[in-house]
Amino acid sequence: MATFAIGDVARRTGVKVSTIRYYESIGLLPRPERTASNRRTYGEQLLQRLSFIRHSRELGFEIPAIRELLGLADSPTASCADADSIARQRLHEIESKLERLQALRAEIQGMVDTCSRGRVATCLVIAALAENSADQEREMASADERAGCRTDRPLGGRPNGTVRRKAVRR
């Protein structure tokens, strides 16, 4: 059976050495065997597991989901319903993100389409951004008032606007 040093594993899988060590520390990868000189050695099976993790991360799966998927992969006779459920959840997250990105694209496209390319004083892109900022501030103030929060104090909560600082000892 072929064994590989951690640097070889990193080159073969495209995963940084520090990331491999991190995956070991959180239990996604088993602790590798060590040589007499205490160097890590990795087998082909660990390379495959690391490639599985890397591909899962590329697809945007979070560590807890990857941990669960690895557990399922280690039980080949188990039902794949759980794996399907995890993948469907990730697909839903991607679709939601795409919807948000498409809305952002439409908003920015509208700004760009209405731009006269004149001076900043008459720039509709700047005006649209400023208008949206003012709308958001009003919405937040309104929500604070409904929640009973005091809005008459500046950020930091002190009436005179000063900020309390920690003393630094030298």
Protein backbone atom coordinates (compact mmCIF):
# COMPACT_ATOMS: atom_id res chain seq x y z
CA MET A 1 0.00 0.00 0.00
CA ALA A 2 1.36 3.40 -1.00
CA THR A 3 1.74 6.07 1.64
CA PHE A 4 2.11 9.79 1.16
CA ALA A 5 3.56 12.64 3.20
CA ILE A 6 1.26 15.54 4.04
CA GLY A 7 2.82 17.75 1.35
CA ASP A 8 2.18 15.09 -1.29
CA VAL A 9 -1.40 14.77 -0.10
CA ALA A 10 -1.84 18.54 -0.34
CA ARG A 11 -0.51 18.59 -3.92
CA ARG A 12 -2.57 15.59 -5.03
CA THR A 13 -5.85 16.86 -3.57
CA GLY A 14 -5.48 20.63 -3.88
CA VAL A 15 -6.05 21.05 -0.13
CA LYS A 16 -3.60 23.15 1.89
CA VAL A 17 -1.51 21.45 4.56
CA SER A 18 -3.03 23.68 7.26
CA THR A 19 -6.52 22.70 6.12
CA ILE A 20 -5.64 19.01 6.24
CA ARG A 21 -4.44 19.46 9.81
CA TYR A 22 -7.61 21.39 10.65
CA TYR A 23 -9.80 18.58 9.25
CA GLU A 24 -7.85 16.15 11.44
CA SER A 25 -8.32 18.35 14.52
CA ILE A 26 -12.11 18.51 14.09
CA GLY A 27 -12.42 14.80 13.30
CA LEU A 28 -13.35 14.93 9.60
CA LEU A 29 -10.16 13.04 8.87
CA PRO A 30 -8.78 10.32 11.12
CA ARG A 31 -5.43 10.93 12.75
CA PRO A 32 -2.82 9.59 10.34
CA GLU A 33 -0.27 6.98 11.16
CA ARG A 34 3.20 8.26 12.02
CA THR A 35 6.63 7.16 10.93
CA ALA A 36 9.44 6.44 13.36
CA SER A 37 10.47 10.09 12.93
CA ASN A 38 6.89 11.19 13.81
CA ARG A 39 5.93 12.31 10.27
CA ARG A 40 2.35 11.86 9.18
CA THR A 41 1.71 9.23 6.53
CA TYR A 42 -1.49 8.98 4.54
CA GLY A 43 -2.92 6.10 2.55
CA GLU A 44 -5.00 6.07 -0.62
CA GLN A 45 -8.27 5.78 1.33
CA LEU A 46 -7.50 9.00 3.21
CA LEU A 47 -6.74 10.74 -0.11
CA GLN A 48 -10.19 9.71 -1.34
CA ARG A 49 -11.83 10.94 1.86
CA LEU A 50 -10.02 14.27 1.59
CA SER A 51 -11.08 14.63 -2.05
CA PHE A 52 -14.67 13.94 -0.95
CA ILE A 53 -14.41 16.71 1.65
CA ARG A 54 -12.82 19.16 -0.81
CA HIS A 55 -15.52 18.53 -3.42
CA SER A 56 -18.23 18.90 -0.78
CA ARG A 57 -16.75 22.26 0.28
CA GLU A 58 -16.59 23.37 -3.37
CA LEU A 59 -20.32 22.66 -3.59
CA GLY A 60 -20.85 24.83 -0.52
CA PHE A 61 -21.71 22.17 2.06
CA GLU A 62 -20.96 23.26 5.61
CA ILE A 63 -18.77 21.18 7.94
CA PRO A 64 -21.70 19.62 9.90
CA ALA A 65 -23.33 18.46 6.65
CA ILE A 66 -20.01 17.06 5.41
CA ARG A 67 -19.55 15.23 8.70
CA GLU A 68 -22.98 13.66 8.25
CA LEU A 69 -22.32 12.80 4.60
CA LEU A 70 -19.01 11.16 5.54
CA GLY A 71 -20.83 9.11 8.17
CA LEU A 72 -23.28 7.98 5.53
CA ALA A 73 -20.46 7.18 3.09
CA ASP A 74 -18.90 5.00 5.80
CA SER A 75 -22.16 2.97 5.97
CA PRO A 76 -22.69 1.74 2.39
CA THR A 77 -25.73 -0.41 3.26
CA ALA A 78 -27.66 2.47 4.84
CA SER A 79 -30.49 4.22 3.01
CA CYS A 80 -29.46 7.25 0.98
CA ALA A 81 -32.55 9.21 2.11
CA ASP A 82 -30.49 11.24 4.57
CA ALA A 83 -27.88 12.08 1.93
CA ASP A 84 -30.68 13.09 -0.43
CA SER A 85 -32.19 15.31 2.26
CA ILE A 86 -28.86 17.04 2.91
CA ALA A 87 -28.34 17.63 -0.82
CA ARG A 88 -31.89 18.95 -1.24
CA GLN A 89 -31.34 21.40 1.63
CA ARG A 90 -28.15 22.67 -0.03
CA LEU A 91 -30.00 22.97 -3.35
CA HIS A 92 -32.70 25.04 -1.62
CA GLU A 93 -30.01 27.33 -0.15
CA ILE A 94 -28.48 27.79 -3.61
CA GLU A 95 -31.85 28.57 -5.18
CA SER A 96 -32.61 31.14 -2.47
CA LYS A 97 -29.24 32.77 -2.97
CA LEU A 98 -29.79 32.87 -6.73
CA GLU A 99 -33.12 34.63 -6.21
CA ARG A 100 -31.44 37.25 -4.00
CA LEU A 101 -28.62 37.69 -6.51
CA GLN A 102 -31.10 38.10 -9.38
CA ALA A 103 -32.94 40.79 -7.40
CA LEU A 104 -29.63 42.57 -6.74
CA ARG A 105 -28.74 42.30 -10.42
CA ALA A 106 -32.07 43.81 -11.46
CA GLU A 107 -31.66 46.69 -9.01
CA ILE A 108 -28.14 47.49 -10.13
CA GLN A 109 -29.05 47.05 -13.78
CA GLY A 110 -31.84 49.60 -13.27
CA MET A 111 -29.34 52.04 -11.76
CA VAL A 112 -26.90 51.58 -14.62
CA ASP A 113 -29.62 51.85 -17.27
CA THR A 114 -30.82 55.20 -15.89
CA CYS A 115 -27.34 56.68 -15.48
CA SER A 116 -26.86 59.80 -17.62
CA ARG A 117 -23.07 59.62 -17.30
CA GLY A 118 -22.99 63.30 -16.41
CA ARG A 119 -21.75 64.78 -13.14
CA VAL A 120 -22.03 63.22 -9.69
CA ALA A 121 -24.39 66.01 -8.66
CA THR A 122 -27.00 64.59 -11.06
CA CYS A 123 -25.91 60.93 -10.91
CA LEU A 124 -28.93 58.65 -10.57
CA VAL A 125 -26.77 55.78 -9.27
CA ILE A 126 -25.64 57.90 -6.31
CA ALA A 127 -29.19 59.20 -5.81
CA ALA A 128 -30.65 55.67 -5.80
CA LEU A 129 -28.07 54.48 -3.26
CA ALA A 130 -28.64 57.52 -1.04
CA GLU A 131 -32.43 57.13 -1.25
CA ASN A 132 -32.25 53.46 -0.31
CA SER A 133 -29.95 54.28 2.65
CA ALA A 134 -32.42 56.88 3.94
CA ASP A 135 -35.31 54.42 3.52
CA GLN A 136 -33.45 51.77 5.51
CA GLU A 137 -32.65 54.23 8.31
CA ARG A 138 -36.33 55.21 8.56
CA GLU A 139 -37.38 51.54 8.61
CA MET A 140 -34.88 50.73 11.38
CA ALA A 141 -35.98 53.75 13.46
CA SER A 142 -39.62 52.76 13.02
CA ALA A 143 -38.86 49.17 14.09
CA ASP A 144 -36.94 50.46 17.13
CA GLU A 145 -39.88 52.65 18.16
CA ARG A 146 -42.33 49.75 17.79
CA ALA A 147 -40.01 47.64 19.96
CA GLY A 148 -39.84 50.37 22.59
CA CYS A 149 -36.17 51.17 22.02
CA ARG A 150 -34.91 54.67 22.76
CA THR A 151 -33.86 56.38 19.56
CA ASP A 152 -32.97 59.75 21.09
CA ARG A 153 -29.49 58.59 22.14
CA PRO A 154 -26.51 58.48 19.82
CA LEU A 155 -24.70 55.30 18.95
CA GLY A 156 -22.90 54.10 22.05
CA GLY A 157 -25.87 54.91 24.29
CA ARG A 158 -24.37 57.86 26.18
CA PRO A 159 -26.43 61.06 26.14
CA ASN A 160 -23.56 63.38 25.22
CA GLY A 161 -22.27 61.13 22.45
CA THR A 162 -19.04 60.28 24.21
CA VAL A 163 -17.70 56.79 24.09
CA ARG A 164 -16.44 54.99 27.17
CA ARG A 165 -12.93 53.73 26.62
CA LYS A 166 -10.97 51.13 28.55
CA ALA A 167 -7.91 52.36 30.38
CA VAL A 168 -4.68 51.08 28.91
CA ARG A 169 -1.87 50.27 31.30
CA ARG A 170 1.68 50.63 30.14
